[in-house]
Amino acid sequence: MVDIIGHVGMALIWLAVGWFLYAERAALGFVALGAPFGLLPDIDLWLSRAFPTVHHHGITHTILFVSVAAVAIGAILGKWVVPWLEAHYVPASEIGNRYAYAIGAVWVATLSHLFADMLSAPDIAQPIEPFWPVVGQAVGLDVFYYNSPLVNWGLFVAGLVLTAVLWWWDDDARAVAEA
């Protein structure tokens, strides 16, 4: 249960995979598209207000939920947001399949949330069972304290720095290839 800024940082770190899958602008779009969804599993904090049976680190913190949500949200983004990116920022040839692009961005970012929570939550929150319903075993490593400003801001800064370095590296590699 990393803080919000830590979850965004972890999402940025995990979304770095986009720099190895796509060219410069498409990679940056992949990161921008996915980053907000690093917070999605914590929707259970809101849902629990309306539905008493929903608890934190429950169904929304499973790979099943992450996958279903990524397909549903990715389909919406692939239909309306990715075409906008193509029209204004990223050449369509760099993205390929709009739906796979959007689903991948949401899936990677949302999955990063589960990983961050597994590293920080076992002693202070409901255990995470990411493999439910296949395996009902809780997973937690308790590597760092969830409310540590150093950890949360460190993850965020690391995500920003990694994105900037990969953006610079990709731009530099492209300049060398074009020369």
N, C-alpha and C. Protein backbone atom coordinates (compact mmCIF):
# COMPACT_ATOMS: atom_id res chain seq x y z
N MET A 1 0.83 -1.19 0.00
CA MET A 1 0.00 0.00 0.00
C MET A 1 0.87 1.24 0.00
N VAL A 2 1.60 1.40 -1.06
CA VAL A 2 2.42 2.57 -1.26
C VAL A 2 1.50 3.78 -1.42
N ASP A 3 1.99 4.96 -1.09
CA ASP A 3 1.23 6.19 -1.25
C ASP A 3 0.99 6.46 -2.74
N ILE A 4 0.10 7.38 -3.03
CA ILE A 4 -0.27 7.70 -4.43
C ILE A 4 0.96 8.01 -5.27
N ILE A 5 1.81 8.88 -4.81
CA ILE A 5 2.97 9.30 -5.60
C ILE A 5 3.92 8.12 -5.84
N GLY A 6 4.01 7.21 -4.89
CA GLY A 6 4.83 6.01 -5.05
C GLY A 6 4.25 5.08 -6.11
N HIS A 7 2.92 4.98 -6.15
CA HIS A 7 2.28 4.14 -7.17
C HIS A 7 2.49 4.71 -8.57
N VAL A 8 2.42 6.02 -8.71
CA VAL A 8 2.68 6.63 -10.01
C VAL A 8 4.14 6.37 -10.41
N GLY A 9 5.05 6.51 -9.46
CA GLY A 9 6.46 6.24 -9.73
C GLY A 9 6.70 4.79 -10.14
N MET A 10 6.08 3.86 -9.46
CA MET A 10 6.23 2.45 -9.81
C MET A 10 5.65 2.19 -11.20
N ALA A 11 4.53 2.82 -11.51
CA ALA A 11 3.94 2.67 -12.85
C ALA A 11 4.91 3.19 -13.91
N LEU A 12 5.53 4.34 -13.67
CA LEU A 12 6.50 4.88 -14.62
C LEU A 12 7.68 3.93 -14.82
N ILE A 13 8.12 3.32 -13.74
CA ILE A 13 9.23 2.36 -13.83
C ILE A 13 8.82 1.17 -14.69
N TRP A 14 7.66 0.61 -14.42
CA TRP A 14 7.21 -0.56 -15.17
C TRP A 14 6.88 -0.21 -16.62
N LEU A 15 6.36 0.99 -16.85
CA LEU A 15 6.02 1.40 -18.20
C LEU A 15 7.25 1.66 -19.07
N ALA A 16 8.41 1.64 -18.46
CA ALA A 16 9.66 1.78 -19.22
C ALA A 16 9.78 0.70 -20.29
N VAL A 17 9.08 -0.39 -20.13
CA VAL A 17 9.08 -1.45 -21.15
C VAL A 17 8.63 -0.88 -22.50
N GLY A 18 7.82 0.15 -22.48
CA GLY A 18 7.36 0.78 -23.72
C GLY A 18 8.49 1.31 -24.58
N TRP A 19 9.59 1.71 -23.94
CA TRP A 19 10.74 2.24 -24.69
C TRP A 19 11.44 1.15 -25.48
N PHE A 20 11.21 -0.09 -25.11
CA PHE A 20 11.82 -1.21 -25.83
C PHE A 20 10.85 -1.83 -26.85
N LEU A 21 9.60 -1.42 -26.79
CA LEU A 21 8.58 -1.94 -27.70
C LEU A 21 8.24 -0.97 -28.82
N TYR A 22 8.39 0.33 -28.55
CA TYR A 22 7.93 1.35 -29.50
C TYR A 22 9.02 2.39 -29.74
N ALA A 23 8.87 3.13 -30.85
CA ALA A 23 9.75 4.24 -31.16
C ALA A 23 9.45 5.39 -30.20
N GLU A 24 10.27 6.42 -30.26
CA GLU A 24 10.27 7.51 -29.30
C GLU A 24 8.89 8.08 -28.94
N ARG A 25 8.16 8.62 -29.88
CA ARG A 25 6.88 9.25 -29.56
C ARG A 25 5.84 8.23 -29.11
N ALA A 26 5.84 7.08 -29.74
CA ALA A 26 4.89 6.03 -29.35
C ALA A 26 5.22 5.53 -27.94
N ALA A 27 6.50 5.45 -27.61
CA ALA A 27 6.90 5.01 -26.26
C ALA A 27 6.46 6.02 -25.21
N LEU A 28 6.66 7.30 -25.51
CA LEU A 28 6.23 8.34 -24.57
C LEU A 28 4.71 8.33 -24.43
N GLY A 29 4.00 8.12 -25.52
CA GLY A 29 2.54 8.00 -25.46
C GLY A 29 2.10 6.81 -24.62
N PHE A 30 2.82 5.68 -24.74
CA PHE A 30 2.55 4.48 -23.96
C PHE A 30 2.66 4.78 -22.47
N VAL A 31 3.73 5.49 -22.11
CA VAL A 31 3.96 5.85 -20.71
C VAL A 31 2.86 6.81 -20.23
N ALA A 32 2.57 7.83 -21.01
CA ALA A 32 1.55 8.81 -20.61
C ALA A 32 0.16 8.18 -20.52
N LEU A 33 -0.13 7.29 -21.45
CA LEU A 33 -1.43 6.62 -21.46
C LEU A 33 -1.60 5.73 -20.23
N GLY A 34 -0.55 5.02 -19.85
CA GLY A 34 -0.66 4.06 -18.76
C GLY A 34 -0.51 4.62 -17.36
N ALA A 35 0.30 5.66 -17.20
CA ALA A 35 0.67 6.14 -15.85
C ALA A 35 -0.50 6.35 -14.89
N PRO A 36 -1.59 6.98 -15.31
CA PRO A 36 -2.68 7.18 -14.35
C PRO A 36 -3.29 5.88 -13.82
N PHE A 37 -3.17 4.82 -14.61
CA PHE A 37 -3.81 3.57 -14.22
C PHE A 37 -3.00 2.79 -13.18
N GLY A 38 -1.85 3.32 -12.80
CA GLY A 38 -1.10 2.75 -11.69
C GLY A 38 -1.87 2.89 -10.38
N LEU A 39 -2.90 3.71 -10.38
CA LEU A 39 -3.72 3.92 -9.18
C LEU A 39 -5.02 3.12 -9.19
N LEU A 40 -5.34 2.51 -10.30
CA LEU A 40 -6.66 1.87 -10.48
C LEU A 40 -7.04 0.84 -9.41
N PRO A 41 -6.17 -0.06 -8.98
CA PRO A 41 -6.62 -1.04 -7.99
C PRO A 41 -7.15 -0.44 -6.69
N ASP A 42 -6.73 0.78 -6.37
CA ASP A 42 -7.24 1.41 -5.15
C ASP A 42 -8.65 1.96 -5.30
N ILE A 43 -9.28 1.66 -6.42
CA ILE A 43 -10.69 2.02 -6.59
C ILE A 43 -11.53 1.31 -5.53
N ASP A 44 -10.98 0.24 -4.95
CA ASP A 44 -11.71 -0.47 -3.90
C ASP A 44 -11.93 0.41 -2.67
N LEU A 45 -11.10 1.40 -2.46
CA LEU A 45 -11.30 2.33 -1.34
C LEU A 45 -12.59 3.13 -1.53
N TRP A 46 -12.93 3.44 -2.77
CA TRP A 46 -14.18 4.14 -3.07
C TRP A 46 -15.35 3.17 -3.12
N LEU A 47 -15.12 2.02 -3.74
CA LEU A 47 -16.19 1.03 -3.86
C LEU A 47 -16.67 0.53 -2.49
N SER A 48 -15.75 0.47 -1.53
CA SER A 48 -16.12 -0.03 -0.20
C SER A 48 -17.12 0.89 0.50
N ARG A 49 -17.18 2.13 0.07
CA ARG A 49 -18.17 3.06 0.66
C ARG A 49 -19.58 2.72 0.21
N ALA A 50 -19.71 2.23 -1.02
CA ALA A 50 -21.03 1.89 -1.56
C ALA A 50 -21.38 0.42 -1.34
N PHE A 51 -20.35 -0.42 -1.29
CA PHE A 51 -20.56 -1.86 -1.16
C PHE A 51 -19.76 -2.38 0.04
N PRO A 52 -20.41 -2.67 1.15
CA PRO A 52 -19.71 -3.08 2.37
C PRO A 52 -18.89 -4.36 2.22
N THR A 53 -19.20 -5.18 1.23
CA THR A 53 -18.46 -6.44 1.06
C THR A 53 -17.11 -6.23 0.37
N VAL A 54 -16.92 -5.07 -0.23
CA VAL A 54 -15.65 -4.77 -0.89
C VAL A 54 -14.66 -4.30 0.17
N HIS A 55 -13.46 -4.89 0.16
CA HIS A 55 -12.44 -4.46 1.11
C HIS A 55 -11.14 -4.18 0.38
N HIS A 56 -10.32 -3.35 1.03
CA HIS A 56 -9.04 -2.97 0.43
C HIS A 56 -8.14 -4.19 0.27
N HIS A 57 -7.49 -4.26 -0.86
CA HIS A 57 -6.61 -5.37 -1.25
C HIS A 57 -7.40 -6.64 -1.56
N GLY A 58 -8.65 -6.47 -1.92
CA GLY A 58 -9.48 -7.60 -2.31
C GLY A 58 -9.41 -7.84 -3.81
N ILE A 59 -10.57 -7.98 -4.42
CA ILE A 59 -10.68 -8.36 -5.83
C ILE A 59 -9.95 -7.41 -6.76
N THR A 60 -9.93 -6.12 -6.46
CA THR A 60 -9.27 -5.17 -7.36
C THR A 60 -7.75 -5.27 -7.32
N HIS A 61 -7.24 -6.04 -6.40
CA HIS A 61 -5.80 -6.25 -6.29
C HIS A 61 -5.42 -7.66 -6.75
N THR A 62 -6.08 -8.13 -7.80
CA THR A 62 -5.77 -9.44 -8.36
C THR A 62 -5.40 -9.29 -9.84
N ILE A 63 -4.65 -10.24 -10.34
CA ILE A 63 -4.28 -10.24 -11.76
C ILE A 63 -5.53 -10.40 -12.62
N LEU A 64 -6.51 -11.11 -12.11
CA LEU A 64 -7.78 -11.26 -12.83
C LEU A 64 -8.42 -9.89 -13.06
N PHE A 65 -8.56 -9.11 -12.01
CA PHE A 65 -9.15 -7.77 -12.14
C PHE A 65 -8.31 -6.90 -13.06
N VAL A 66 -7.00 -6.91 -12.86
CA VAL A 66 -6.08 -6.10 -13.67
C VAL A 66 -6.27 -6.43 -15.15
N SER A 67 -6.37 -7.70 -15.46
CA SER A 67 -6.49 -8.12 -16.86
C SER A 67 -7.84 -7.73 -17.46
N VAL A 68 -8.92 -7.97 -16.73
CA VAL A 68 -10.25 -7.60 -17.21
C VAL A 68 -10.36 -6.08 -17.35
N ALA A 69 -9.88 -5.35 -16.37
CA ALA A 69 -9.93 -3.89 -16.43
C ALA A 69 -9.09 -3.36 -17.58
N ALA A 70 -7.92 -3.95 -17.81
CA ALA A 70 -7.05 -3.51 -18.90
C ALA A 70 -7.73 -3.70 -20.25
N VAL A 71 -8.40 -4.83 -20.43
CA VAL A 71 -9.10 -5.07 -21.70
C VAL A 71 -10.25 -4.08 -21.86
N ALA A 72 -11.04 -3.89 -20.82
CA ALA A 72 -12.20 -2.99 -20.91
C ALA A 72 -11.76 -1.53 -21.12
N ILE A 73 -10.85 -1.07 -20.30
CA ILE A 73 -10.39 0.32 -20.40
C ILE A 73 -9.55 0.51 -21.66
N GLY A 74 -8.72 -0.47 -21.97
CA GLY A 74 -7.89 -0.40 -23.17
C GLY A 74 -8.73 -0.33 -24.44
N ALA A 75 -9.85 -1.02 -24.45
CA ALA A 75 -10.75 -0.96 -25.62
C ALA A 75 -11.30 0.46 -25.80
N ILE A 76 -11.65 1.08 -24.70
CA ILE A 76 -12.17 2.46 -24.75
C ILE A 76 -11.06 3.42 -25.20
N LEU A 77 -9.88 3.29 -24.60
CA LEU A 77 -8.76 4.15 -24.98
C LEU A 77 -8.34 3.91 -26.42
N GLY A 78 -8.34 2.65 -26.83
CA GLY A 78 -7.97 2.30 -28.20
C GLY A 78 -8.94 2.87 -29.22
N LYS A 79 -10.18 3.00 -28.84
CA LYS A 79 -11.21 3.53 -29.74
C LYS A 79 -11.18 5.05 -29.82
N TRP A 80 -10.97 5.76 -28.68
CA TRP A 80 -11.11 7.20 -28.67
C TRP A 80 -9.83 7.98 -28.36
N VAL A 81 -8.97 7.49 -27.51
CA VAL A 81 -7.79 8.26 -27.12
C VAL A 81 -6.61 8.02 -28.06
N VAL A 82 -6.34 6.78 -28.39
CA VAL A 82 -5.20 6.48 -29.26
C VAL A 82 -5.35 7.13 -30.64
N PRO A 83 -6.54 7.14 -31.24
CA PRO A 83 -6.67 7.86 -32.51
C PRO A 83 -6.33 9.36 -32.38
N TRP A 84 -6.68 9.93 -31.25
CA TRP A 84 -6.31 11.33 -31.01
C TRP A 84 -4.79 11.47 -30.94
N LEU A 85 -4.12 10.55 -30.24
CA LEU A 85 -2.65 10.56 -30.19
C LEU A 85 -2.06 10.47 -31.59
N GLU A 86 -2.64 9.59 -32.39
CA GLU A 86 -2.15 9.42 -33.77
C GLU A 86 -2.35 10.69 -34.59
N ALA A 87 -3.45 11.37 -34.38
CA ALA A 87 -3.74 12.58 -35.14
C ALA A 87 -2.88 13.78 -34.72
N HIS A 88 -2.47 13.80 -33.46
CA HIS A 88 -1.78 14.98 -32.94
C HIS A 88 -0.32 14.77 -32.54
N TYR A 89 0.09 13.53 -32.35
CA TYR A 89 1.41 13.37 -31.76
C TYR A 89 2.21 12.20 -32.31
N VAL A 90 1.61 11.04 -32.40
CA VAL A 90 2.33 9.81 -32.74
C VAL A 90 1.89 9.30 -34.12
N PRO A 91 2.83 9.09 -35.03
CA PRO A 91 2.43 8.50 -36.32
C PRO A 91 1.80 7.12 -36.09
N ALA A 92 0.68 6.85 -36.77
CA ALA A 92 -0.04 5.58 -36.60
C ALA A 92 0.85 4.38 -36.87
N SER A 93 1.81 4.54 -37.76
CA SER A 93 2.69 3.42 -38.09
C SER A 93 3.57 3.01 -36.90
N GLU A 94 3.79 3.92 -35.96
CA GLU A 94 4.62 3.60 -34.79
C GLU A 94 3.83 2.85 -33.72
N ILE A 95 2.53 3.00 -33.70
CA ILE A 95 1.70 2.38 -32.66
C ILE A 95 1.31 0.95 -33.02
N GLY A 96 1.00 0.71 -34.26
CA GLY A 96 0.53 -0.62 -34.64
C GLY A 96 -0.93 -0.77 -34.24
N ASN A 97 -1.24 -1.86 -33.58
CA ASN A 97 -2.61 -2.13 -33.16
C ASN A 97 -3.00 -1.21 -32.00
N ARG A 98 -3.96 -0.35 -32.24
CA ARG A 98 -4.38 0.64 -31.22
C ARG A 98 -4.82 -0.03 -29.92
N TYR A 99 -5.55 -1.12 -30.06
CA TYR A 99 -6.11 -1.78 -28.88
C TYR A 99 -5.02 -2.48 -28.07
N ALA A 100 -4.12 -3.16 -28.74
CA ALA A 100 -3.02 -3.82 -28.03
C ALA A 100 -2.14 -2.79 -27.32
N TYR A 101 -1.93 -1.68 -27.96
CA TYR A 101 -1.14 -0.57 -27.40
C TYR A 101 -1.79 -0.07 -26.10
N ALA A 102 -3.07 0.24 -26.16
CA ALA A 102 -3.78 0.78 -25.00
C ALA A 102 -3.95 -0.26 -23.90
N ILE A 103 -4.32 -1.47 -24.28
CA ILE A 103 -4.48 -2.54 -23.29
C ILE A 103 -3.15 -2.80 -22.59
N GLY A 104 -2.08 -2.83 -23.34
CA GLY A 104 -0.75 -3.06 -22.76
C GLY A 104 -0.36 -1.98 -21.78
N ALA A 105 -0.60 -0.72 -22.13
CA ALA A 105 -0.25 0.38 -21.23
C ALA A 105 -1.02 0.29 -19.92
N VAL A 106 -2.32 0.03 -20.01
CA VAL A 106 -3.15 -0.07 -18.80
C VAL A 106 -2.75 -1.29 -17.99
N TRP A 107 -2.52 -2.41 -18.65
CA TRP A 107 -2.18 -3.65 -17.94
C TRP A 107 -0.86 -3.53 -17.19
N VAL A 108 0.16 -3.01 -17.84
CA VAL A 108 1.48 -2.88 -17.21
C VAL A 108 1.39 -1.94 -16.00
N ALA A 109 0.77 -0.79 -16.18
CA ALA A 109 0.67 0.18 -15.09
C ALA A 109 -0.13 -0.36 -13.91
N THR A 110 -1.24 -1.01 -14.20
CA THR A 110 -2.09 -1.53 -13.13
C THR A 110 -1.41 -2.69 -12.40
N LEU A 111 -0.71 -3.51 -13.15
CA LEU A 111 0.03 -4.61 -12.53
C LEU A 111 1.13 -4.09 -11.61
N SER A 112 1.72 -2.95 -11.97
CA SER A 112 2.77 -2.36 -11.12
C SER A 112 2.23 -2.02 -9.74
N HIS A 113 0.95 -1.67 -9.67
CA HIS A 113 0.33 -1.34 -8.39
C HIS A 113 0.34 -2.55 -7.45
N LEU A 114 -0.01 -3.71 -8.00
CA LEU A 114 0.00 -4.92 -7.18
C LEU A 114 1.39 -5.19 -6.63
N PHE A 115 2.39 -5.04 -7.50
CA PHE A 115 3.77 -5.29 -7.09
C PHE A 115 4.19 -4.34 -5.97
N ALA A 116 3.87 -3.06 -6.13
CA ALA A 116 4.22 -2.07 -5.09
C ALA A 116 3.55 -2.41 -3.77
N ASP A 117 2.29 -2.80 -3.83
CA ASP A 117 1.60 -3.15 -2.59
C ASP A 117 2.17 -4.42 -1.96
N MET A 118 2.60 -5.36 -2.76
CA MET A 118 3.21 -6.57 -2.21
C MET A 118 4.52 -6.24 -1.49
N LEU A 119 5.19 -5.19 -1.92
CA LEU A 119 6.45 -4.80 -1.29
C LEU A 119 6.27 -4.02 0.00
N SER A 120 5.04 -3.54 0.25
CA SER A 120 4.90 -2.62 1.37
C SER A 120 3.74 -2.84 2.32
N ALA A 121 2.87 -3.77 2.07
CA ALA A 121 1.63 -3.77 2.84
C ALA A 121 1.36 -4.91 3.80
N PRO A 122 2.10 -5.99 3.84
CA PRO A 122 1.62 -7.16 4.58
C PRO A 122 1.36 -6.94 6.07
N ASP A 123 2.05 -6.02 6.70
CA ASP A 123 1.87 -5.89 8.14
C ASP A 123 0.86 -4.82 8.54
N ILE A 124 0.38 -4.00 7.60
CA ILE A 124 -0.50 -2.91 7.97
C ILE A 124 -1.84 -2.92 7.24
N ALA A 125 -2.02 -3.83 6.33
CA ALA A 125 -3.26 -3.85 5.55
C ALA A 125 -3.67 -5.29 5.25
N GLN A 126 -4.86 -5.42 4.71
CA GLN A 126 -5.34 -6.73 4.27
C GLN A 126 -4.31 -7.35 3.34
N PRO A 127 -3.98 -8.62 3.51
CA PRO A 127 -3.02 -9.27 2.61
C PRO A 127 -3.51 -9.28 1.17
N ILE A 128 -2.58 -9.24 0.25
CA ILE A 128 -2.90 -9.24 -1.18
C ILE A 128 -2.83 -10.68 -1.68
N GLU A 129 -3.86 -11.08 -2.40
CA GLU A 129 -3.91 -12.40 -3.02
C GLU A 129 -3.97 -12.21 -4.53
N PRO A 130 -2.84 -11.85 -5.15
CA PRO A 130 -2.86 -11.47 -6.57
C PRO A 130 -3.27 -12.59 -7.52
N PHE A 131 -3.12 -13.82 -7.12
CA PHE A 131 -3.42 -14.94 -8.02
C PHE A 131 -4.81 -15.53 -7.79
N TRP A 132 -5.63 -14.87 -6.93
CA TRP A 132 -6.98 -15.31 -6.71
C TRP A 132 -7.73 -15.21 -8.03
N PRO A 133 -8.57 -16.10 -8.42
CA PRO A 133 -9.15 -17.24 -7.73
C PRO A 133 -8.38 -18.55 -7.95
N VAL A 134 -7.29 -18.50 -8.72
CA VAL A 134 -6.52 -19.72 -8.99
C VAL A 134 -5.80 -20.19 -7.73
N VAL A 135 -5.13 -19.27 -7.07
CA VAL A 135 -4.41 -19.57 -5.83
C VAL A 135 -4.83 -18.53 -4.80
N GLY A 136 -5.32 -18.95 -3.67
CA GLY A 136 -5.79 -18.05 -2.63
C GLY A 136 -4.72 -17.72 -1.61
N GLN A 137 -3.48 -17.76 -2.00
CA GLN A 137 -2.36 -17.52 -1.09
C GLN A 137 -1.99 -16.03 -1.09
N ALA A 138 -1.87 -15.45 0.10
CA ALA A 138 -1.44 -14.06 0.21
C ALA A 138 0.05 -13.95 -0.14
N VAL A 139 0.40 -12.84 -0.77
CA VAL A 139 1.79 -12.59 -1.15
C VAL A 139 2.20 -11.24 -0.60
N GLY A 140 3.28 -11.22 0.14
CA GLY A 140 3.79 -9.96 0.67
C GLY A 140 5.24 -10.11 1.05
N LEU A 141 6.01 -9.09 0.72
CA LEU A 141 7.45 -9.15 1.00
C LEU A 141 7.87 -8.19 2.10
N ASP A 142 7.09 -7.16 2.37
CA ASP A 142 7.36 -6.19 3.43
C ASP A 142 8.77 -5.61 3.32
N VAL A 143 9.10 -5.10 2.16
CA VAL A 143 10.43 -4.54 1.91
C VAL A 143 10.57 -3.13 2.47
N PHE A 144 9.51 -2.34 2.37
CA PHE A 144 9.58 -0.97 2.89
C PHE A 144 8.26 -0.53 3.50
N TYR A 145 8.35 0.50 4.33
CA TYR A 145 7.18 1.03 5.01
C TYR A 145 6.34 1.83 4.02
N TYR A 146 5.07 1.55 3.96
CA TYR A 146 4.19 2.12 2.94
C TYR A 146 4.10 3.64 2.98
N ASN A 147 4.25 4.24 4.13
CA ASN A 147 4.05 5.67 4.28
C ASN A 147 5.36 6.46 4.33
N SER A 148 6.43 5.84 3.90
CA SER A 148 7.73 6.49 3.93
C SER A 148 7.84 7.52 2.80
N PRO A 149 8.01 8.80 3.13
CA PRO A 149 8.18 9.80 2.07
C PRO A 149 9.42 9.50 1.21
N LEU A 150 10.46 8.99 1.83
CA LEU A 150 11.67 8.66 1.08
C LEU A 150 11.39 7.60 0.02
N VAL A 151 10.67 6.57 0.39
CA VAL A 151 10.33 5.50 -0.55
C VAL A 151 9.38 6.01 -1.63
N ASN A 152 8.31 6.67 -1.22
CA ASN A 152 7.31 7.12 -2.19
C ASN A 152 7.88 8.15 -3.17
N TRP A 153 8.54 9.16 -2.67
CA TRP A 153 9.13 10.15 -3.56
C TRP A 153 10.32 9.57 -4.30
N GLY A 154 11.02 8.63 -3.68
CA GLY A 154 12.12 7.97 -4.37
C GLY A 154 11.63 7.18 -5.57
N LEU A 155 10.52 6.46 -5.42
CA LEU A 155 9.93 5.75 -6.56
C LEU A 155 9.49 6.71 -7.65
N PHE A 156 8.88 7.82 -7.25
CA PHE A 156 8.41 8.80 -8.23
C PHE A 156 9.58 9.43 -8.99
N VAL A 157 10.59 9.86 -8.27
CA VAL A 157 11.76 10.46 -8.91
C VAL A 157 12.46 9.42 -9.79
N ALA A 158 12.59 8.20 -9.30
CA ALA A 158 13.21 7.13 -10.10
C ALA A 158 12.44 6.91 -11.40
N GLY A 159 11.10 6.91 -11.32
CA GLY A 159 10.28 6.74 -12.52
C GLY A 159 10.46 7.89 -13.49
N LEU A 160 10.49 9.12 -12.98
CA LEU A 160 10.71 10.29 -13.85
C LEU A 160 12.09 10.25 -14.48
N VAL A 161 13.11 9.94 -13.68
CA VAL A 161 14.48 9.90 -14.20
C VAL A 161 14.62 8.79 -15.24
N LEU A 162 14.07 7.62 -14.95
CA LEU A 162 14.15 6.51 -15.91
C LEU A 162 13.46 6.89 -17.23
N THR A 163 12.29 7.51 -17.14
CA THR A 163 11.59 7.94 -18.35
C THR A 163 12.42 8.96 -19.12
N ALA A 164 12.99 9.94 -18.41
CA ALA A 164 13.80 10.98 -19.07
C ALA A 164 15.05 10.37 -19.72
N VAL A 165 15.71 9.46 -19.02
CA VAL A 165 16.92 8.83 -19.56
C VAL A 165 16.59 8.01 -20.80
N LEU A 166 15.52 7.24 -20.74
CA LEU A 166 15.14 6.43 -21.89
C LEU A 166 14.68 7.29 -23.06
N TRP A 167 14.00 8.40 -22.77
CA TRP A 167 13.60 9.34 -23.82
C TRP A 167 14.85 9.93 -24.47
N TRP A 168 15.78 10.37 -23.66
CA TRP A 168 17.04 10.94 -24.18
C TRP A 168 17.82 9.88 -24.96
N TRP A 169 17.91 8.68 -24.41
CA TRP A 169 18.64 7.60 -25.07
C TRP A 169 18.01 7.26 -26.42
N ASP A 170 16.68 7.19 -26.45
CA ASP A 170 15.99 6.86 -27.69
C ASP A 170 16.18 7.96 -28.72
N ASP A 171 16.09 9.22 -28.28
CA ASP A 171 16.30 10.35 -29.18
C ASP A 171 17.72 10.38 -29.71
N ASP A 172 18.69 10.10 -28.83
CA ASP A 172 20.10 10.07 -29.21
C ASP A 172 20.37 8.92 -30.18
N ALA A 173 19.79 7.74 -29.92
CA ALA A 173 19.97 6.59 -30.80
C ALA A 173 19.36 6.86 -32.17
N ARG A 174 18.23 7.54 -32.21
CA ARG A 174 17.58 7.88 -33.47
C ARG A 174 18.45 8.86 -34.27
N ALA A 175 19.04 9.84 -33.58
CA ALA A 175 19.90 10.82 -34.25
C ALA A 175 21.11 10.14 -34.89
N VAL A 176 21.70 9.18 -34.18
CA VAL A 176 22.85 8.43 -34.68
C VAL A 176 22.44 7.60 -35.90
N ALA A 177 21.27 6.98 -35.82
CA ALA A 177 20.79 6.13 -36.93
C ALA A 177 20.50 6.97 -38.18
N GLU A 178 20.01 8.19 -37.98
CA GLU A 178 19.69 9.05 -39.12
C GLU A 178 20.92 9.71 -39.73
N ALA A 179 22.03 9.75 -38.99
CA ALA A 179 23.25 10.42 -39.48
C ALA A 179 24.00 9.60 -40.50
